[in-house]
Amino acid sequence: PGKLTRIEFDIMKEHSIHGRDILKEYKDLEPMVSEACFYHHERIDGKGYPDEVFAGYLNKFIRVITVVDAYDAITSDRIYKNGEQPVVALKILYAERGRHFDKELVESFIQMLGIYPPGSLVEMTNGAVGIVVSSNPGHRLQPKVEMILDVDKKKISPIIIDLANEINDMDGNPYAIKLGLTNGEFGIDIKDYMPKNVQ
């Protein structure tokens, strides 16, 4: 029910070994699949597990999975902690680039997701609140946002606004993101707005 002890953590780290062994039984899978399972916790600085291999020597595909897996782990709820907001996860990945993660891949991942990745709870400049549903590759600061609270923080029927289209609010001002919010602010749990098949 709480954070893992050192012994429990050592046992947990064996999941990459067990995963590889299970996947090797499937002869039709590309060998890279079981290798990615085995090495996805290795680090660029060689301080990962299970083999403490310098990840720079590993296939780029494995290094991509390492970044994505860490992002998922940081943003997912655990029994001992709530998941972090996507923007917090990106800050952690960025801080660890070149040490824990491949520098170029982290930067590409952040560019792909944008500053406000999907799943981010945001407040608009007019006070309305929404959840980012997708990024706009050509407009990193202007994602698509599902508006869920009006300017008075009252629930509304969700409507998706593409900020890249510079849609105006009721006062004639273009919608723009003011800041990222923490899950739970204004009584909003982002999970309540996620499709049931991804919860």
C-alpha atoms as a PDB file:
ATOM      1  CA  PRO A   1       0.000   0.000   0.000  1.00  0.00           C
ATOM      2  CA  GLY A   2       3.005   2.342   0.275  1.00  0.00           C
ATOM      3  CA  LYS A   3       6.263   3.111  -1.463  1.00  0.00           C
ATOM      4  CA  LEU A   4       8.330   0.020  -2.219  1.00  0.00           C
ATOM      5  CA  THR A   5      11.058  -1.043   0.201  1.00  0.00           C
ATOM      6  CA  ARG A   6      14.547  -1.634  -1.190  1.00  0.00           C
ATOM      7  CA  ILE A   7      13.940  -5.405  -1.247  1.00  0.00           C
ATOM      8  CA  GLU A   8      10.561  -4.945  -2.958  1.00  0.00           C
ATOM      9  CA  PHE A   9      12.142  -2.589  -5.486  1.00  0.00           C
ATOM     10  CA  ASP A  10      14.819  -5.174  -6.323  1.00  0.00           C
ATOM     11  CA  ILE A  11      12.084  -7.765  -6.911  1.00  0.00           C
ATOM     12  CA  MET A  12      10.093  -5.295  -9.036  1.00  0.00           C
ATOM     13  CA  LYS A  13      13.141  -4.669 -11.231  1.00  0.00           C
ATOM     14  CA  GLU A  14      12.997  -8.306 -12.328  1.00  0.00           C
ATOM     15  CA  HIS A  15       9.933  -7.513 -14.457  1.00  0.00           C
ATOM     16  CA  SER A  16      12.133  -6.686 -17.426  1.00  0.00           C
ATOM     17  CA  ILE A  17      13.791 -10.122 -17.214  1.00  0.00           C
ATOM     18  CA  HIS A  18      10.485 -11.972 -16.846  1.00  0.00           C
ATOM     19  CA  GLY A  19       8.929  -9.933 -19.643  1.00  0.00           C
ATOM     20  CA  ARG A  20      11.761 -10.766 -22.024  1.00  0.00           C
ATOM     21  CA  ASP A  21      11.555 -14.466 -21.132  1.00  0.00           C
ATOM     22  CA  ILE A  22       7.796 -14.549 -21.763  1.00  0.00           C
ATOM     23  CA  LEU A  23       8.122 -12.711 -25.082  1.00  0.00           C
ATOM     24  CA  LYS A  24      10.904 -15.028 -26.294  1.00  0.00           C
ATOM     25  CA  GLU A  25       8.362 -17.856 -26.273  1.00  0.00           C
ATOM     26  CA  TYR A  26       6.555 -16.136 -29.169  1.00  0.00           C
ATOM     27  CA  LYS A  27       8.694 -17.138 -32.131  1.00  0.00           C
ATOM     28  CA  ASP A  28       6.868 -14.834 -34.595  1.00  0.00           C
ATOM     29  CA  LEU A  29       7.875 -11.669 -32.731  1.00  0.00           C
ATOM     30  CA  GLU A  30      10.785  -9.622 -33.939  1.00  0.00           C
ATOM     31  CA  PRO A  31      13.753 -10.075 -31.529  1.00  0.00           C
ATOM     32  CA  MET A  32      13.692  -6.293 -30.964  1.00  0.00           C
ATOM     33  CA  VAL A  33      10.405  -6.652 -29.042  1.00  0.00           C
ATOM     34  CA  SER A  34      11.908  -8.840 -26.308  1.00  0.00           C
ATOM     35  CA  GLU A  35      15.100  -6.744 -26.327  1.00  0.00           C
ATOM     36  CA  ALA A  36      13.069  -3.575 -25.780  1.00  0.00           C
ATOM     37  CA  CYS A  37      11.266  -5.238 -22.883  1.00  0.00           C
ATOM     38  CA  PHE A  38      14.570  -6.293 -21.345  1.00  0.00           C
ATOM     39  CA  TYR A  39      16.456  -2.996 -21.774  1.00  0.00           C
ATOM     40  CA  HIS A  40      13.739  -0.349 -21.342  1.00  0.00           C
ATOM     41  CA  HIS A  41      15.081   0.733 -17.923  1.00  0.00           C
ATOM     42  CA  GLU A  42      18.693   1.151 -19.001  1.00  0.00           C
ATOM     43  CA  ARG A  43      20.085   4.665 -18.851  1.00  0.00           C
ATOM     44  CA  ILE A  44      22.353   6.739 -21.052  1.00  0.00           C
ATOM     45  CA  ASP A  45      24.809   7.028 -18.118  1.00  0.00           C
ATOM     46  CA  GLY A  46      24.889   3.249 -17.555  1.00  0.00           C
ATOM     47  CA  LYS A  47      23.123   3.368 -14.165  1.00  0.00           C
ATOM     48  CA  GLY A  48      19.910   1.636 -15.206  1.00  0.00           C
ATOM     49  CA  TYR A  49      18.872  -1.980 -14.873  1.00  0.00           C
ATOM     50  CA  PRO A  50      18.987  -4.955 -15.335  1.00  0.00           C
ATOM     51  CA  ASP A  51      22.482  -4.964 -16.955  1.00  0.00           C
ATOM     52  CA  GLU A  52      23.708  -1.378 -16.349  1.00  0.00           C
ATOM     53  CA  VAL A  53      24.380  -1.012 -20.075  1.00  0.00           C
ATOM     54  CA  PHE A  54      25.087   2.455 -21.428  1.00  0.00           C
ATOM     55  CA  ALA A  55      21.849   3.033 -23.314  1.00  0.00           C
ATOM     56  CA  GLY A  56      23.709   4.922 -26.024  1.00  0.00           C
ATOM     57  CA  TYR A  57      24.835   1.505 -27.255  1.00  0.00           C
ATOM     58  CA  LEU A  58      21.269   0.259 -27.508  1.00  0.00           C
ATOM     59  CA  ASN A  59      18.975   0.448 -30.518  1.00  0.00           C
ATOM     60  CA  LYS A  60      17.228   3.798 -30.947  1.00  0.00           C
ATOM     61  CA  PHE A  61      13.853   2.040 -30.752  1.00  0.00           C
ATOM     62  CA  ILE A  62      14.687   0.920 -27.187  1.00  0.00           C
ATOM     63  CA  ARG A  63      15.755   4.450 -26.244  1.00  0.00           C
ATOM     64  CA  VAL A  64      12.408   5.787 -27.539  1.00  0.00           C
ATOM     65  CA  ILE A  65      10.514   3.268 -25.394  1.00  0.00           C
ATOM     66  CA  THR A  66      12.602   4.301 -22.376  1.00  0.00           C
ATOM     67  CA  VAL A  67      11.385   7.901 -22.735  1.00  0.00           C
ATOM     68  CA  VAL A  68       7.744   6.970 -23.339  1.00  0.00           C
ATOM     69  CA  ASP A  69       7.718   4.448 -20.462  1.00  0.00           C
ATOM     70  CA  ALA A  70       9.106   7.049 -18.046  1.00  0.00           C
ATOM     71  CA  TYR A  71       6.528   9.622 -19.164  1.00  0.00           C
ATOM     72  CA  ASP A  72       3.761   7.083 -18.581  1.00  0.00           C
ATOM     73  CA  ALA A  73       5.142   6.121 -15.163  1.00  0.00           C
ATOM     74  CA  ILE A  74       5.378   9.751 -14.027  1.00  0.00           C
ATOM     75  CA  THR A  75       1.853  10.636 -15.154  1.00  0.00           C
ATOM     76  CA  SER A  76       0.165   7.427 -13.916  1.00  0.00           C
ATOM     77  CA  ASP A  77      -1.409   7.006 -10.504  1.00  0.00           C
ATOM     78  CA  ARG A  78       0.314   4.609  -8.136  1.00  0.00           C
ATOM     79  CA  ILE A  79      -1.077   3.174  -4.943  1.00  0.00           C
ATOM     80  CA  TYR A  80       1.357   5.400  -3.006  1.00  0.00           C
ATOM     81  CA  LYS A  81       1.095   8.572  -5.120  1.00  0.00           C
ATOM     82  CA  ASN A  82      -1.035  10.364  -7.666  1.00  0.00           C
ATOM     83  CA  GLY A  83       0.324  10.777 -11.166  1.00  0.00           C
ATOM     84  CA  GLU A  84       1.945  14.089 -12.045  1.00  0.00           C
ATOM     85  CA  GLN A  85       0.562  16.493 -14.616  1.00  0.00           C
ATOM     86  CA  PRO A  86       1.964  16.001 -18.128  1.00  0.00           C
ATOM     87  CA  VAL A  87       3.840  19.308 -18.004  1.00  0.00           C
ATOM     88  CA  VAL A  88       5.611  18.177 -14.796  1.00  0.00           C
ATOM     89  CA  ALA A  89       6.586  14.906 -16.468  1.00  0.00           C
ATOM     90  CA  LEU A  90       8.076  16.805 -19.408  1.00  0.00           C
ATOM     91  CA  LYS A  91      10.123  18.962 -17.031  1.00  0.00           C
ATOM     92  CA  ILE A  92      11.499  15.825 -15.351  1.00  0.00           C
ATOM     93  CA  LEU A  93      12.369  14.223 -18.688  1.00  0.00           C
ATOM     94  CA  TYR A  94      14.022  17.436 -19.848  1.00  0.00           C
ATOM     95  CA  ALA A  95      16.081  17.697 -16.650  1.00  0.00           C
ATOM     96  CA  GLU A  96      17.270  14.087 -17.064  1.00  0.00           C
ATOM     97  CA  ARG A  97      18.138  14.270 -20.764  1.00  0.00           C
ATOM     98  CA  GLY A  98      21.731  13.277 -21.423  1.00  0.00           C
ATOM     99  CA  ARG A  99      21.953  11.441 -18.091  1.00  0.00           C
ATOM    100  CA  HIS A 100      18.975   9.160 -17.852  1.00  0.00           C
ATOM    101  CA  PHE A 101      17.523   9.559 -21.341  1.00  0.00           C
ATOM    102  CA  ASP A 102      18.735  10.158 -24.869  1.00  0.00           C
ATOM    103  CA  LYS A 103      18.978  13.951 -25.200  1.00  0.00           C
ATOM    104  CA  GLU A 104      17.751  14.225 -28.793  1.00  0.00           C
ATOM    105  CA  LEU A 105      14.869  11.816 -28.251  1.00  0.00           C
ATOM    106  CA  VAL A 106      13.634  13.671 -25.162  1.00  0.00           C
ATOM    107  CA  GLU A 107      13.703  16.963 -27.023  1.00  0.00           C
ATOM    108  CA  SER A 108      11.857  15.418 -29.990  1.00  0.00           C
ATOM    109  CA  PHE A 109       9.281  13.884 -27.636  1.00  0.00           C
ATOM    110  CA  ILE A 110       8.643  17.262 -25.985  1.00  0.00           C
ATOM    111  CA  GLN A 111       8.376  18.989 -29.363  1.00  0.00           C
ATOM    112  CA  MET A 112       5.897  16.355 -30.511  1.00  0.00           C
ATOM    113  CA  LEU A 113       3.658  16.714 -27.449  1.00  0.00           C
ATOM    114  CA  GLY A 114       3.985  20.479 -27.135  1.00  0.00           C
ATOM    115  CA  ILE A 115       4.177  22.537 -23.957  1.00  0.00           C
ATOM    116  CA  TYR A 116       0.662  21.496 -22.981  1.00  0.00           C
ATOM    117  CA  PRO A 117       0.471  17.751 -23.775  1.00  0.00           C
ATOM    118  CA  PRO A 118      -2.825  15.914 -24.158  1.00  0.00           C
ATOM    119  CA  GLY A 119      -4.360  15.326 -20.744  1.00  0.00           C
ATOM    120  CA  SER A 120      -3.206  18.687 -19.360  1.00  0.00           C
ATOM    121  CA  LEU A 121      -5.755  20.659 -17.358  1.00  0.00           C
ATOM    122  CA  VAL A 122      -5.494  24.325 -18.339  1.00  0.00           C
ATOM    123  CA  GLU A 123      -7.024  27.672 -17.492  1.00  0.00           C
ATOM    124  CA  MET A 124      -7.658  30.088 -20.328  1.00  0.00           C
ATOM    125  CA  THR A 125      -6.905  33.814 -20.226  1.00  0.00           C
ATOM    126  CA  ASN A 126     -10.631  34.529 -19.808  1.00  0.00           C
ATOM    127  CA  GLY A 127     -10.901  32.170 -16.788  1.00  0.00           C
ATOM    128  CA  ALA A 128     -12.556  29.233 -18.558  1.00  0.00           C
ATOM    129  CA  VAL A 129     -11.067  25.783 -17.904  1.00  0.00           C
ATOM    130  CA  GLY A 130     -10.414  22.937 -20.298  1.00  0.00           C
ATOM    131  CA  ILE A 131      -8.441  19.768 -20.942  1.00  0.00           C
ATOM    132  CA  VAL A 132      -5.939  19.549 -23.795  1.00  0.00           C
ATOM    133  CA  VAL A 133      -7.070  16.766 -26.135  1.00  0.00           C
ATOM    134  CA  SER A 134      -4.385  16.983 -28.814  1.00  0.00           C
ATOM    135  CA  SER A 135      -1.411  19.047 -29.858  1.00  0.00           C
ATOM    136  CA  ASN A 136      -1.009  20.996 -33.083  1.00  0.00           C
ATOM    137  CA  PRO A 137       2.391  20.176 -34.625  1.00  0.00           C
ATOM    138  CA  GLY A 138       2.632  23.538 -36.356  1.00  0.00           C
ATOM    139  CA  HIS A 139       1.317  25.504 -33.362  1.00  0.00           C
ATOM    140  CA  ARG A 140       2.932  24.203 -30.155  1.00  0.00           C
ATOM    141  CA  LEU A 141       1.268  26.821 -27.952  1.00  0.00           C
ATOM    142  CA  GLN A 142      -2.143  26.326 -29.530  1.00  0.00           C
ATOM    143  CA  PRO A 143      -3.438  22.792 -28.915  1.00  0.00           C
ATOM    144  CA  LYS A 144      -7.012  21.560 -29.197  1.00  0.00           C
ATOM    145  CA  VAL A 145      -8.792  22.030 -25.856  1.00  0.00           C
ATOM    146  CA  GLU A 146     -12.039  20.522 -24.606  1.00  0.00           C
ATOM    147  CA  MET A 147     -13.701  23.336 -22.653  1.00  0.00           C
ATOM    148  CA  ILE A 148     -15.469  22.030 -19.524  1.00  0.00           C
ATOM    149  CA  LEU A 149     -15.908  25.065 -17.222  1.00  0.00           C
ATOM    150  CA  ASP A 150     -17.032  28.540 -18.194  1.00  0.00           C
ATOM    151  CA  VAL A 151     -15.451  31.805 -17.015  1.00  0.00           C
ATOM    152  CA  ASP A 152     -17.376  31.517 -13.720  1.00  0.00           C
ATOM    153  CA  LYS A 153     -16.022  27.966 -13.210  1.00  0.00           C
ATOM    154  CA  LYS A 154     -19.435  26.403 -13.844  1.00  0.00           C
ATOM    155  CA  LYS A 155     -19.745  23.140 -15.776  1.00  0.00           C
ATOM    156  CA  ILE A 156     -20.727  23.426 -19.408  1.00  0.00           C
ATOM    157  CA  SER A 157     -21.459  20.890 -22.119  1.00  0.00           C
ATOM    158  CA  PRO A 158     -17.960  20.024 -23.356  1.00  0.00           C
ATOM    159  CA  ILE A 159     -16.937  21.673 -26.604  1.00  0.00           C
ATOM    160  CA  ILE A 160     -13.598  21.294 -28.385  1.00  0.00           C
ATOM    161  CA  ILE A 161     -11.800  24.424 -29.513  1.00  0.00           C
ATOM    162  CA  ASP A 162      -8.784  24.399 -31.815  1.00  0.00           C
ATOM    163  CA  LEU A 163      -6.688  27.295 -30.505  1.00  0.00           C
ATOM    164  CA  ALA A 164      -4.751  27.415 -33.785  1.00  0.00           C
ATOM    165  CA  ASN A 165      -7.935  28.732 -35.426  1.00  0.00           C
ATOM    166  CA  GLU A 166      -7.957  31.769 -33.106  1.00  0.00           C
ATOM    167  CA  ILE A 167     -11.571  31.369 -32.021  1.00  0.00           C
ATOM    168  CA  ASN A 168     -12.889  34.256 -29.929  1.00  0.00           C
ATOM    169  CA  ASP A 169     -14.659  33.990 -26.597  1.00  0.00           C
ATOM    170  CA  MET A 170     -17.953  35.774 -25.804  1.00  0.00           C
ATOM    171  CA  ASP A 171     -16.091  39.040 -25.186  1.00  0.00           C
ATOM    172  CA  GLY A 172     -14.444  38.914 -28.598  1.00  0.00           C
ATOM    173  CA  ASN A 173     -10.993  37.949 -27.275  1.00  0.00           C
ATOM    174  CA  PRO A 174      -9.123  34.984 -28.791  1.00  0.00           C
ATOM    175  CA  TYR A 175      -8.979  31.894 -26.580  1.00  0.00           C
ATOM    176  CA  ALA A 176      -5.468  31.340 -25.233  1.00  0.00           C
ATOM    177  CA  ILE A 177      -3.978  29.269 -22.427  1.00  0.00           C
ATOM    178  CA  LYS A 178      -3.026  31.260 -19.350  1.00  0.00           C
ATOM    179  CA  LEU A 179      -1.525  28.440 -17.255  1.00  0.00           C
ATOM    180  CA  GLY A 180      -1.455  24.729 -16.551  1.00  0.00           C
ATOM    181  CA  LEU A 181      -3.452  23.454 -13.578  1.00  0.00           C
ATOM    182  CA  THR A 182      -3.079  20.505 -11.237  1.00  0.00           C
ATOM    183  CA  ASN A 183      -5.532  17.641 -11.480  1.00  0.00           C
ATOM    184  CA  GLY A 184      -8.252  18.201  -8.885  1.00  0.00           C
ATOM    185  CA  GLU A 185      -8.319  21.989  -9.160  1.00  0.00           C
ATOM    186  CA  PHE A 186     -11.868  23.362  -9.369  1.00  0.00           C
ATOM    187  CA  GLY A 187     -13.070  19.858  -8.494  1.00  0.00           C
ATOM    188  CA  ILE A 188     -12.015  18.429 -11.851  1.00  0.00           C
ATOM    189  CA  ASP A 189     -10.627  14.904 -12.090  1.00  0.00           C
ATOM    190  CA  ILE A 190      -9.244  14.493 -15.599  1.00  0.00           C
ATOM    191  CA  LYS A 191     -10.085  10.773 -15.518  1.00  0.00           C
ATOM    192  CA  ASP A 192     -13.775  11.674 -15.507  1.00  0.00           C
ATOM    193  CA  TYR A 193     -13.311  13.130 -18.981  1.00  0.00           C
ATOM    194  CA  MET A 194     -11.210  10.346 -20.490  1.00  0.00           C
ATOM    195  CA  PRO A 195     -12.755   7.743 -22.778  1.00  0.00           C
ATOM    196  CA  LYS A 196     -13.569   4.646 -20.739  1.00  0.00           C
ATOM    197  CA  ASN A 197     -11.301   2.440 -22.830  1.00  0.00           C
ATOM    198  CA  VAL A 198      -8.142   4.383 -21.843  1.00  0.00           C
ATOM    199  CA  GLN A 199      -8.687   4.687 -18.115  1.00  0.00           C
END
